[in-house]
Amino acid sequence: MPTYEYRCRHCSHRFELFQSIVEEPVKICPKCETEAVERLMGAGAGLIFKGSGFYITDYKNKKQSSPDKKKPSNQ
């Protein structure tokens, strides 16, 4: 469930709520109790990958040549 940020147009109070996507946006300010709240556009928290099953842990070729290995000389 995402966290939504709100701002009251009447008293400028800003607050966040942890809500389901299907819930209706809040309309009443918890501070001044007027019906002047707007939902703000936020950047969000981004994607968080936890656990195994991702490229780096499972599918990456572990036999890659490391950059500090000596290259063969052309003599």
N, C-alpha and C. Protein backbone atom coordinates (compact mmCIF):
# COMPACT_ATOMS: atom_id res chain seq x y z
N MET A 1 0.84 -1.18 0.00
CA MET A 1 0.00 0.00 0.00
C MET A 1 0.89 1.24 0.00
N PRO A 2 0.56 2.20 -0.83
CA PRO A 2 1.37 3.41 -0.92
C PRO A 2 1.06 4.44 0.17
N THR A 3 2.00 5.34 0.36
CA THR A 3 1.82 6.47 1.26
C THR A 3 1.52 7.69 0.40
N TYR A 4 0.41 8.36 0.71
CA TYR A 4 0.01 9.55 -0.04
C TYR A 4 0.26 10.79 0.80
N GLU A 5 0.66 11.86 0.14
CA GLU A 5 0.90 13.13 0.81
C GLU A 5 -0.24 14.08 0.48
N TYR A 6 -0.72 14.78 1.49
CA TYR A 6 -1.83 15.72 1.34
C TYR A 6 -1.44 17.09 1.87
N ARG A 7 -2.15 18.12 1.39
CA ARG A 7 -1.96 19.49 1.88
C ARG A 7 -3.31 20.16 1.94
N CYS A 8 -3.54 20.88 3.03
CA CYS A 8 -4.78 21.63 3.20
C CYS A 8 -4.60 23.00 2.55
N ARG A 9 -5.51 23.37 1.68
CA ARG A 9 -5.45 24.68 1.02
C ARG A 9 -5.84 25.80 1.97
N HIS A 10 -6.52 25.47 3.04
CA HIS A 10 -6.98 26.49 3.99
C HIS A 10 -5.90 26.85 5.01
N CYS A 11 -5.32 25.86 5.69
CA CYS A 11 -4.34 26.13 6.75
C CYS A 11 -2.91 25.73 6.38
N SER A 12 -2.70 25.18 5.18
CA SER A 12 -1.39 24.74 4.66
C SER A 12 -0.78 23.59 5.44
N HIS A 13 -1.58 22.88 6.20
CA HIS A 13 -1.10 21.71 6.94
C HIS A 13 -0.79 20.59 5.95
N ARG A 14 0.41 20.00 6.09
CA ARG A 14 0.81 18.87 5.23
C ARG A 14 0.86 17.62 6.07
N PHE A 15 0.37 16.51 5.50
CA PHE A 15 0.39 15.24 6.22
C PHE A 15 0.44 14.09 5.22
N GLU A 16 0.83 12.93 5.72
CA GLU A 16 0.91 11.72 4.90
C GLU A 16 -0.03 10.67 5.46
N LEU A 17 -0.59 9.86 4.57
CA LEU A 17 -1.45 8.75 4.99
C LEU A 17 -1.07 7.50 4.22
N PHE A 18 -1.04 6.40 4.93
CA PHE A 18 -0.78 5.08 4.35
C PHE A 18 -2.14 4.51 3.98
N GLN A 19 -2.46 4.48 2.66
CA GLN A 19 -3.78 4.09 2.19
C GLN A 19 -3.69 3.06 1.08
N SER A 20 -4.76 2.32 0.93
CA SER A 20 -4.89 1.40 -0.19
C SER A 20 -5.12 2.21 -1.47
N ILE A 21 -4.76 1.64 -2.59
CA ILE A 21 -4.92 2.32 -3.87
C ILE A 21 -6.40 2.56 -4.18
N VAL A 22 -7.28 1.68 -3.74
CA VAL A 22 -8.70 1.79 -4.05
C VAL A 22 -9.46 2.72 -3.10
N GLU A 23 -8.83 3.19 -2.03
CA GLU A 23 -9.50 4.11 -1.10
C GLU A 23 -9.66 5.49 -1.73
N GLU A 24 -10.74 6.16 -1.36
CA GLU A 24 -10.99 7.52 -1.83
C GLU A 24 -9.99 8.48 -1.16
N PRO A 25 -9.56 9.52 -1.86
CA PRO A 25 -8.67 10.51 -1.25
C PRO A 25 -9.36 11.22 -0.07
N VAL A 26 -8.56 11.63 0.91
CA VAL A 26 -9.07 12.35 2.06
C VAL A 26 -9.53 13.73 1.62
N LYS A 27 -10.64 14.21 2.19
CA LYS A 27 -11.16 15.52 1.82
C LYS A 27 -11.17 16.50 2.98
N ILE A 28 -11.11 16.00 4.23
CA ILE A 28 -11.20 16.86 5.41
C ILE A 28 -9.84 16.90 6.11
N CYS A 29 -9.39 18.12 6.40
CA CYS A 29 -8.11 18.33 7.07
C CYS A 29 -8.20 17.89 8.54
N PRO A 30 -7.24 17.09 9.01
CA PRO A 30 -7.29 16.66 10.42
C PRO A 30 -6.95 17.79 11.40
N LYS A 31 -6.36 18.88 10.93
CA LYS A 31 -5.98 19.98 11.81
C LYS A 31 -7.09 21.02 11.95
N CYS A 32 -7.55 21.57 10.82
CA CYS A 32 -8.57 22.63 10.88
C CYS A 32 -9.98 22.13 10.57
N GLU A 33 -10.09 20.89 10.14
CA GLU A 33 -11.36 20.21 9.85
C GLU A 33 -12.19 20.88 8.75
N THR A 34 -11.53 21.57 7.83
CA THR A 34 -12.23 22.11 6.66
C THR A 34 -12.11 21.12 5.51
N GLU A 35 -12.98 21.27 4.54
CA GLU A 35 -12.96 20.38 3.38
C GLU A 35 -12.17 21.04 2.25
N ALA A 36 -10.85 21.17 2.48
CA ALA A 36 -10.00 21.86 1.52
C ALA A 36 -8.68 21.11 1.30
N VAL A 37 -8.72 19.80 1.35
CA VAL A 37 -7.50 18.99 1.24
C VAL A 37 -7.30 18.54 -0.19
N GLU A 38 -6.04 18.62 -0.65
CA GLU A 38 -5.70 18.11 -1.97
C GLU A 38 -4.56 17.11 -1.85
N ARG A 39 -4.61 16.08 -2.68
CA ARG A 39 -3.54 15.09 -2.70
C ARG A 39 -2.42 15.61 -3.58
N LEU A 40 -1.20 15.52 -3.09
CA LEU A 40 -0.04 16.01 -3.83
C LEU A 40 0.60 14.88 -4.62
N MET A 41 1.27 15.25 -5.69
CA MET A 41 2.02 14.28 -6.48
C MET A 41 3.39 14.13 -5.84
N GLY A 42 3.74 12.90 -5.51
CA GLY A 42 5.03 12.65 -4.90
C GLY A 42 5.90 11.79 -5.78
N ALA A 43 7.15 11.71 -5.42
CA ALA A 43 8.10 10.90 -6.18
C ALA A 43 7.93 9.42 -5.86
N GLY A 44 7.37 9.11 -4.74
CA GLY A 44 7.23 7.71 -4.36
C GLY A 44 8.48 7.17 -3.73
N ALA A 45 8.41 5.93 -3.31
CA ALA A 45 9.52 5.32 -2.61
C ALA A 45 10.43 4.54 -3.53
N GLY A 46 9.99 4.28 -4.71
CA GLY A 46 10.81 3.49 -5.62
C GLY A 46 10.64 2.01 -5.38
N LEU A 47 11.23 1.24 -6.22
CA LEU A 47 11.17 -0.20 -6.16
C LEU A 47 12.22 -0.75 -5.23
N ILE A 48 11.84 -1.71 -4.41
CA ILE A 48 12.79 -2.35 -3.51
C ILE A 48 12.76 -3.84 -3.79
N PHE A 49 13.89 -4.40 -4.18
CA PHE A 49 13.99 -5.83 -4.44
C PHE A 49 14.59 -6.51 -3.22
N LYS A 50 13.89 -7.51 -2.71
CA LYS A 50 14.39 -8.25 -1.56
C LYS A 50 14.39 -9.73 -1.89
N GLY A 51 15.37 -10.45 -1.39
CA GLY A 51 15.41 -11.89 -1.57
C GLY A 51 16.19 -12.30 -2.80
N SER A 52 16.23 -13.60 -3.04
CA SER A 52 16.96 -14.12 -4.20
C SER A 52 16.03 -14.14 -5.40
N GLY A 53 16.58 -14.46 -6.54
CA GLY A 53 15.78 -14.55 -7.74
C GLY A 53 16.03 -13.41 -8.70
N PHE A 54 17.07 -12.65 -8.48
CA PHE A 54 17.38 -11.52 -9.34
C PHE A 54 18.68 -11.78 -10.08
N TYR A 55 18.90 -11.05 -11.11
CA TYR A 55 20.04 -11.26 -12.01
C TYR A 55 21.37 -11.32 -11.27
N ILE A 56 21.63 -10.38 -10.41
CA ILE A 56 22.94 -10.30 -9.76
C ILE A 56 23.21 -11.52 -8.89
N THR A 57 22.20 -12.04 -8.23
CA THR A 57 22.44 -13.16 -7.33
C THR A 57 22.32 -14.52 -8.01
N ASP A 58 21.57 -14.62 -9.08
CA ASP A 58 21.30 -15.94 -9.66
C ASP A 58 21.84 -16.18 -11.06
N TYR A 59 21.85 -15.19 -11.92
CA TYR A 59 22.15 -15.44 -13.32
C TYR A 59 23.44 -14.81 -13.81
N LYS A 60 24.06 -14.00 -13.02
CA LYS A 60 25.28 -13.33 -13.45
C LYS A 60 26.40 -14.36 -13.65
N ASN A 61 27.15 -14.22 -14.74
CA ASN A 61 28.25 -15.13 -15.04
C ASN A 61 29.39 -14.85 -14.07
N LYS A 62 29.71 -15.81 -13.24
CA LYS A 62 30.75 -15.62 -12.23
C LYS A 62 32.15 -15.82 -12.81
N LYS A 63 32.28 -16.24 -14.06
CA LYS A 63 33.58 -16.48 -14.69
C LYS A 63 34.01 -15.32 -15.56
N GLN A 64 33.51 -14.12 -15.28
CA GLN A 64 33.93 -12.96 -16.06
C GLN A 64 35.38 -12.64 -15.73
N SER A 65 36.09 -12.15 -16.72
CA SER A 65 37.48 -11.79 -16.48
C SER A 65 37.52 -10.50 -15.67
N SER A 66 38.38 -10.49 -14.69
CA SER A 66 38.50 -9.29 -13.86
C SER A 66 39.43 -8.31 -14.54
N PRO A 67 39.23 -7.02 -14.34
CA PRO A 67 40.04 -6.01 -15.04
C PRO A 67 41.50 -5.98 -14.61
N ASP A 68 41.85 -6.56 -13.46
CA ASP A 68 43.25 -6.51 -13.01
C ASP A 68 44.07 -7.70 -13.49
N LYS A 69 43.50 -8.61 -14.28
CA LYS A 69 44.27 -9.71 -14.85
C LYS A 69 45.17 -9.16 -15.94
N LYS A 70 46.35 -9.72 -16.05
CA LYS A 70 47.30 -9.26 -17.05
C LYS A 70 46.86 -9.73 -18.43
N LYS A 71 46.97 -8.81 -19.38
CA LYS A 71 46.64 -9.15 -20.76
C LYS A 71 47.86 -9.81 -21.38
N PRO A 72 47.63 -10.76 -22.29
CA PRO A 72 48.79 -11.39 -22.94
C PRO A 72 49.52 -10.35 -23.79
N SER A 73 50.84 -10.38 -23.70
CA SER A 73 51.64 -9.42 -24.47
C SER A 73 51.88 -9.97 -25.88
N ASN A 74 51.90 -9.08 -26.83
CA ASN A 74 52.13 -9.44 -28.24
C ASN A 74 53.63 -9.30 -28.53
N GLN A 75 54.39 -10.37 -28.40
CA GLN A 75 55.83 -10.31 -28.65
C GLN A 75 56.18 -11.04 -29.91
